C-alpha atoms as a PDB file:
ATOM      1  CA  MET A   1     213.408 110.069  88.112  1.00  0.00           C
ATOM      2  CA  ASN A   2     211.925 113.034  86.367  1.00  0.00           C
ATOM      3  CA  ALA A   3     211.701 115.926  88.845  1.00  0.00           C
ATOM      4  CA  ILE A   4     210.920 117.268  92.284  1.00  0.00           C
ATOM      5  CA  TYR A   5     207.868 119.514  92.619  1.00  0.00           C
ATOM      6  CA  LEU A   6     207.850 121.828  95.632  1.00  0.00           C
ATOM      7  CA  ASP A   7     204.586 123.422  96.755  1.00  0.00           C
ATOM      8  CA  ALA A   8     206.453 126.526  97.883  1.00  0.00           C
ATOM      9  CA  ASP A   9     203.748 128.651  99.502  1.00  0.00           C
ATOM     10  CA  ALA A  10     204.641 128.692 103.226  1.00  0.00           C
ATOM     11  CA  CYS A  11     207.347 126.056 102.718  1.00  0.00           C
ATOM     12  CA  PRO A  12     210.075 125.906 105.378  1.00  0.00           C
ATOM     13  CA  VAL A  13     212.389 123.550 103.446  1.00  0.00           C
ATOM     14  CA  ARG A  14     213.025 125.273 100.127  1.00  0.00           C
ATOM     15  CA  ALA A  15     216.793 125.642 100.695  1.00  0.00           C
ATOM     16  CA  GLU A  16     217.094 121.999 101.744  1.00  0.00           C
ATOM     17  CA  ALA A  17     215.216 120.818  98.649  1.00  0.00           C
ATOM     18  CA  GLU A  18     217.570 122.862  96.461  1.00  0.00           C
ATOM     19  CA  ARG A  19     220.627 121.336  98.133  1.00  0.00           C
ATOM     20  CA  VAL A  20     219.342 117.787  97.675  1.00  0.00           C
ATOM     21  CA  ALA A  21     218.377 118.456  94.040  1.00  0.00           C
ATOM     22  CA  ASP A  22     221.855 119.854  93.396  1.00  0.00           C
ATOM     23  CA  ARG A  23     223.633 116.965  95.111  1.00  0.00           C
ATOM     24  CA  LEU A  24     221.641 114.321  93.212  1.00  0.00           C
ATOM     25  CA  GLY A  25     221.398 116.224  89.911  1.00  0.00           C
ATOM     26  CA  VAL A  26     217.593 116.319  89.869  1.00  0.00           C
ATOM     27  CA  ARG A  27     215.441 119.080  88.393  1.00  0.00           C
ATOM     28  CA  LEU A  28     213.431 121.053  90.968  1.00  0.00           C
ATOM     29  CA  PHE A  29     210.264 122.994  90.186  1.00  0.00           C
ATOM     30  CA  ILE A  30     209.401 125.564  92.848  1.00  0.00           C
ATOM     31  CA  VAL A  31     205.727 126.404  92.349  1.00  0.00           C
ATOM     32  CA  CYS A  32     204.109 129.432  94.013  1.00  0.00           C
ATOM     33  CA  ASN A  33     201.786 132.392  93.552  1.00  0.00           C
ATOM     34  CA  GLY A  34     204.709 134.818  93.745  1.00  0.00           C
ATOM     35  CA  GLY A  35     206.605 136.647  96.414  1.00  0.00           C
ATOM     36  CA  LEU A  36     209.640 134.352  96.323  1.00  0.00           C
ATOM     37  CA  ARG A  37     213.065 135.325  95.115  1.00  0.00           C
ATOM     38  CA  PRO A  38     214.008 133.284  92.034  1.00  0.00           C
ATOM     39  CA  SER A  39     216.845 130.811  92.318  1.00  0.00           C
ATOM     40  CA  ALA A  40     219.909 131.167  90.132  1.00  0.00           C
ATOM     41  CA  HIS A  41     220.617 127.439  90.231  1.00  0.00           C
ATOM     42  CA  PRO A  42     220.445 125.841  86.761  1.00  0.00           C
ATOM     43  CA  LEU A  43     218.464 122.808  88.013  1.00  0.00           C
ATOM     44  CA  VAL A  44     215.820 124.986  89.688  1.00  0.00           C
ATOM     45  CA  GLU A  45     212.876 126.368  87.757  1.00  0.00           C
ATOM     46  CA  MET A  46     210.579 128.868  89.419  1.00  0.00           C
ATOM     47  CA  VAL A  47     206.961 128.484  88.341  1.00  0.00           C
ATOM     48  CA  PHE A  48     204.776 131.469  89.185  1.00  0.00           C
ATOM     49  CA  VAL A  49     201.097 130.679  88.810  1.00  0.00           C
ATOM     50  CA  ALA A  50     198.136 133.053  88.796  1.00  0.00           C
ATOM     51  CA  SER A  51     196.811 134.325  92.085  1.00  0.00           C
ATOM     52  CA  GLY A  52     193.895 132.367  93.385  1.00  0.00           C
ATOM     53  CA  ALA A  53     192.986 129.440  95.511  1.00  0.00           C
ATOM     54  CA  ASP A  54     194.831 126.240  94.688  1.00  0.00           C
ATOM     55  CA  GLU A  55     196.465 127.472  91.453  1.00  0.00           C
ATOM     56  CA  ALA A  56     199.881 126.138  92.508  1.00  0.00           C
ATOM     57  CA  ASP A  57     198.259 122.857  93.546  1.00  0.00           C
ATOM     58  CA  LYS A  58     196.527 122.528  90.173  1.00  0.00           C
ATOM     59  CA  TRP A  59     199.801 123.127  88.313  1.00  0.00           C
ATOM     60  CA  ILE A  60     201.653 120.515  90.357  1.00  0.00           C
ATOM     61  CA  ALA A  61     198.836 117.955  90.034  1.00  0.00           C
ATOM     62  CA  ASP A  62     198.806 118.481  86.247  1.00  0.00           C
ATOM     63  CA  HIS A  63     202.569 117.939  85.901  1.00  0.00           C
ATOM     64  CA  ALA A  64     203.654 115.378  88.525  1.00  0.00           C
ATOM     65  CA  GLY A  65     203.551 111.690  87.760  1.00  0.00           C
ATOM     66  CA  VAL A  66     205.382 108.392  87.999  1.00  0.00           C
ATOM     67  CA  GLY A  67     209.022 108.921  88.909  1.00  0.00           C
ATOM     68  CA  ASP A  68     208.450 112.381  90.413  1.00  0.00           C
ATOM     69  CA  VAL A  69     208.627 113.478  94.040  1.00  0.00           C
ATOM     70  CA  VAL A  70     206.181 116.079  95.358  1.00  0.00           C
ATOM     71  CA  ILE A  71     206.831 118.080  98.536  1.00  0.00           C
ATOM     72  CA  THR A  72     203.639 119.470 100.039  1.00  0.00           C
ATOM     73  CA  GLY A  73     201.679 119.842 103.227  1.00  0.00           C
ATOM     74  CA  ASP A  74     198.417 120.052 101.276  1.00  0.00           C
ATOM     75  CA  ILE A  75     196.637 116.723 101.779  1.00  0.00           C
ATOM     76  CA  PRO A  76     194.173 116.964  98.844  1.00  0.00           C
ATOM     77  CA  LEU A  77     197.101 117.820  96.527  1.00  0.00           C
ATOM     78  CA  ALA A  78     199.043 114.884  97.943  1.00  0.00           C
ATOM     79  CA  ALA A  79     196.122 112.559  97.203  1.00  0.00           C
ATOM     80  CA  LYS A  80     195.934 113.759  93.592  1.00  0.00           C
ATOM     81  CA  CYS A  81     199.673 113.309  93.098  1.00  0.00           C
ATOM     82  CA  ILE A  82     199.665 109.835  94.656  1.00  0.00           C
ATOM     83  CA  ALA A  83     196.841 108.893  92.269  1.00  0.00           C
ATOM     84  CA  THR A  84     199.107 109.800  89.316  1.00  0.00           C
ATOM     85  CA  GLY A  85     201.926 107.626  90.681  1.00  0.00           C
ATOM     86  CA  ALA A  86     204.096 110.398  92.151  1.00  0.00           C
ATOM     87  CA  ARG A  87     205.852 109.938  95.493  1.00  0.00           C
ATOM     88  CA  VAL A  88     204.850 112.499  98.143  1.00  0.00           C
ATOM     89  CA  ILE A  89     206.437 113.777 101.342  1.00  0.00           C
ATOM     90  CA  LYS A  90     205.432 116.520 103.724  1.00  0.00           C
ATOM     91  CA  HIS A  91     207.785 119.265 104.931  1.00  0.00           C
ATOM     92  CA  ASN A  92     208.428 117.344 108.149  1.00  0.00           C
ATOM     93  CA  GLY A  93     209.541 114.214 106.276  1.00  0.00           C
ATOM     94  CA  GLU A  94     206.281 112.282 106.660  1.00  0.00           C
ATOM     95  CA  ARG A  95     205.751 110.034 103.660  1.00  0.00           C
ATOM     96  CA  LEU A  96     202.279 110.012 102.131  1.00  0.00           C
ATOM     97  CA  THR A  97     201.513 106.790 100.292  1.00  0.00           C
ATOM     98  CA  PRO A  98     198.580 104.942  98.715  1.00  0.00           C
ATOM     99  CA  ALA A  99     198.413 102.935 101.961  1.00  0.00           C
ATOM    100  CA  ASN A 100     197.971 105.920 104.299  1.00  0.00           C
ATOM    101  CA  ILE A 101     196.504 108.793 102.258  1.00  0.00           C
ATOM    102  CA  GLY A 102     192.875 107.702 102.769  1.00  0.00           C
ATOM    103  CA  GLN A 103     193.214 107.759 106.548  1.00  0.00           C
ATOM    104  CA  ILE A 104     195.058 111.085 106.462  1.00  0.00           C
ATOM    105  CA  LEU A 105     192.345 112.631 104.248  1.00  0.00           C
ATOM    106  CA  GLY A 106     189.681 111.327 106.616  1.00  0.00           C
ATOM    107  CA  MET A 107     191.481 112.767 109.660  1.00  0.00           C
ATOM    108  CA  ARG A 108     191.880 116.105 107.880  1.00  0.00           C
ATOM    109  CA  ASP A 109     188.158 116.250 107.176  1.00  0.00           C
ATOM    110  CA  LEU A 110     187.286 115.230 110.737  1.00  0.00           C
ATOM    111  CA  MET A 111     189.510 117.944 112.193  1.00  0.00           C
ATOM    112  CA  ALA A 112     187.995 120.544 109.848  1.00  0.00           C
ATOM    113  CA  ASP A 113     184.527 119.529 111.055  1.00  0.00           C
ATOM    114  CA  LEU A 114     185.615 119.773 114.704  1.00  0.00           C
ATOM    115  CA  ARG A 115     187.086 123.239 114.148  1.00  0.00           C
ATOM    116  CA  ALA A 116     183.898 124.368 112.397  1.00  0.00           C
ATOM    117  CA  ALA A 117     181.737 123.031 115.247  1.00  0.00           C
ATOM    118  CA  ASP A 118     183.754 124.835 117.949  1.00  0.00           C
ATOM    119  CA  PRO A 119     184.755 128.357 116.850  1.00  0.00           C
ATOM    120  CA  PHE A 120     186.452 128.914 120.222  1.00  0.00           C
ATOM    121  CA  ARG A 121     188.776 125.945 119.806  1.00  0.00           C
ATOM    122  CA  VAL A 122     192.338 127.098 120.360  1.00  0.00           C
ATOM    123  CA  GLY A 123     195.584 125.658 119.182  1.00  0.00           C
ATOM    124  CA  GLY A 124     197.232 125.131 115.899  1.00  0.00           C
ATOM    125  CA  GLY A 125     199.964 123.194 114.213  1.00  0.00           C
ATOM    126  CA  LYS A 126     203.172 122.148 115.852  1.00  0.00           C
ATOM    127  CA  ALA A 127     206.280 124.282 115.492  1.00  0.00           C
ATOM    128  CA  PHE A 128     208.745 123.192 112.810  1.00  0.00           C
ATOM    129  CA  THR A 129     211.825 121.735 114.533  1.00  0.00           C
ATOM    130  CA  LYS A 130     215.381 120.744 113.659  1.00  0.00           C
ATOM    131  CA  ALA A 131     214.271 117.133 113.951  1.00  0.00           C
ATOM    132  CA  ASP A 132     211.553 117.796 111.338  1.00  0.00           C
ATOM    133  CA  ARG A 133     214.170 119.313 109.023  1.00  0.00           C
ATOM    134  CA  SER A 134     216.441 116.305 109.488  1.00  0.00           C
ATOM    135  CA  ARG A 135     213.580 113.853 108.856  1.00  0.00           C
ATOM    136  CA  PHE A 136     212.672 115.816 105.733  1.00  0.00           C
ATOM    137  CA  LEU A 137     216.215 115.589 104.351  1.00  0.00           C
ATOM    138  CA  ASP A 138     216.358 111.829 104.969  1.00  0.00           C
ATOM    139  CA  ALA A 139     212.895 111.295 103.477  1.00  0.00           C
ATOM    140  CA  LEU A 140     213.596 113.398 100.374  1.00  0.00           C
ATOM    141  CA  ASP A 141     216.854 111.585  99.708  1.00  0.00           C
ATOM    142  CA  GLY A 142     215.116 108.218 100.132  1.00  0.00           C
ATOM    143  CA  GLU A 143     212.149 109.129  97.937  1.00  0.00           C
ATOM    144  CA  ILE A 144     214.376 110.464  95.146  1.00  0.00           C
ATOM    145  CA  ARG A 145     216.452 107.299  95.159  1.00  0.00           C
ATOM    146  CA  ALA A 146     213.297 105.136  95.176  1.00  0.00           C
ATOM    147  CA  ALA A 147     211.852 107.167  92.277  1.00  0.00           C
ATOM    148  CA  GLN A 148     215.083 106.734  90.323  1.00  0.00           C
ATOM    149  CA  ARG A 149     214.938 102.956  90.821  1.00  0.00           C
ATOM    150  CA  GLN A 150     211.250 102.978  89.845  1.00  0.00           C
ATOM    151  CA  THR A 151     211.918 104.626  86.467  1.00  0.00           C
ATOM    152  CA  GLN A 152     215.108 102.806  85.491  1.00  0.00           C
ATOM    153  CA  PRO A 153     214.645 100.395  82.573  1.00  0.00           C
END
């Protein structure tokens, strides 16, 4: 396993990712546009990218590959990372894979079209729960271990 890449803008599981990286001895890249306090942990590297749309996503997509785990809620970024062979999980522990990313991209696009067609549509995402946090921790641990097996000679 090479590293964990965390899309840190609006990420509710940064502390959990650091704990897992520390426990398993894996390097963690926290990528953001700024505004986050740097970590003092030796396995954690803060990557501050230029301001602008998708700059953090571009950096992660350019660096992640086989044997890496990417944590993101950004579906287009997830698709790019999966295409390079990286393993991807969302903040709620949902695994994004080559088998399901096409359907998830399609649903994302459909929902964007529905929101655009009805400007009065109300509602939003679900609240982040303790169960989501627990699922995330289990998923991250599992994906790191799978990535380590994948890259062992």
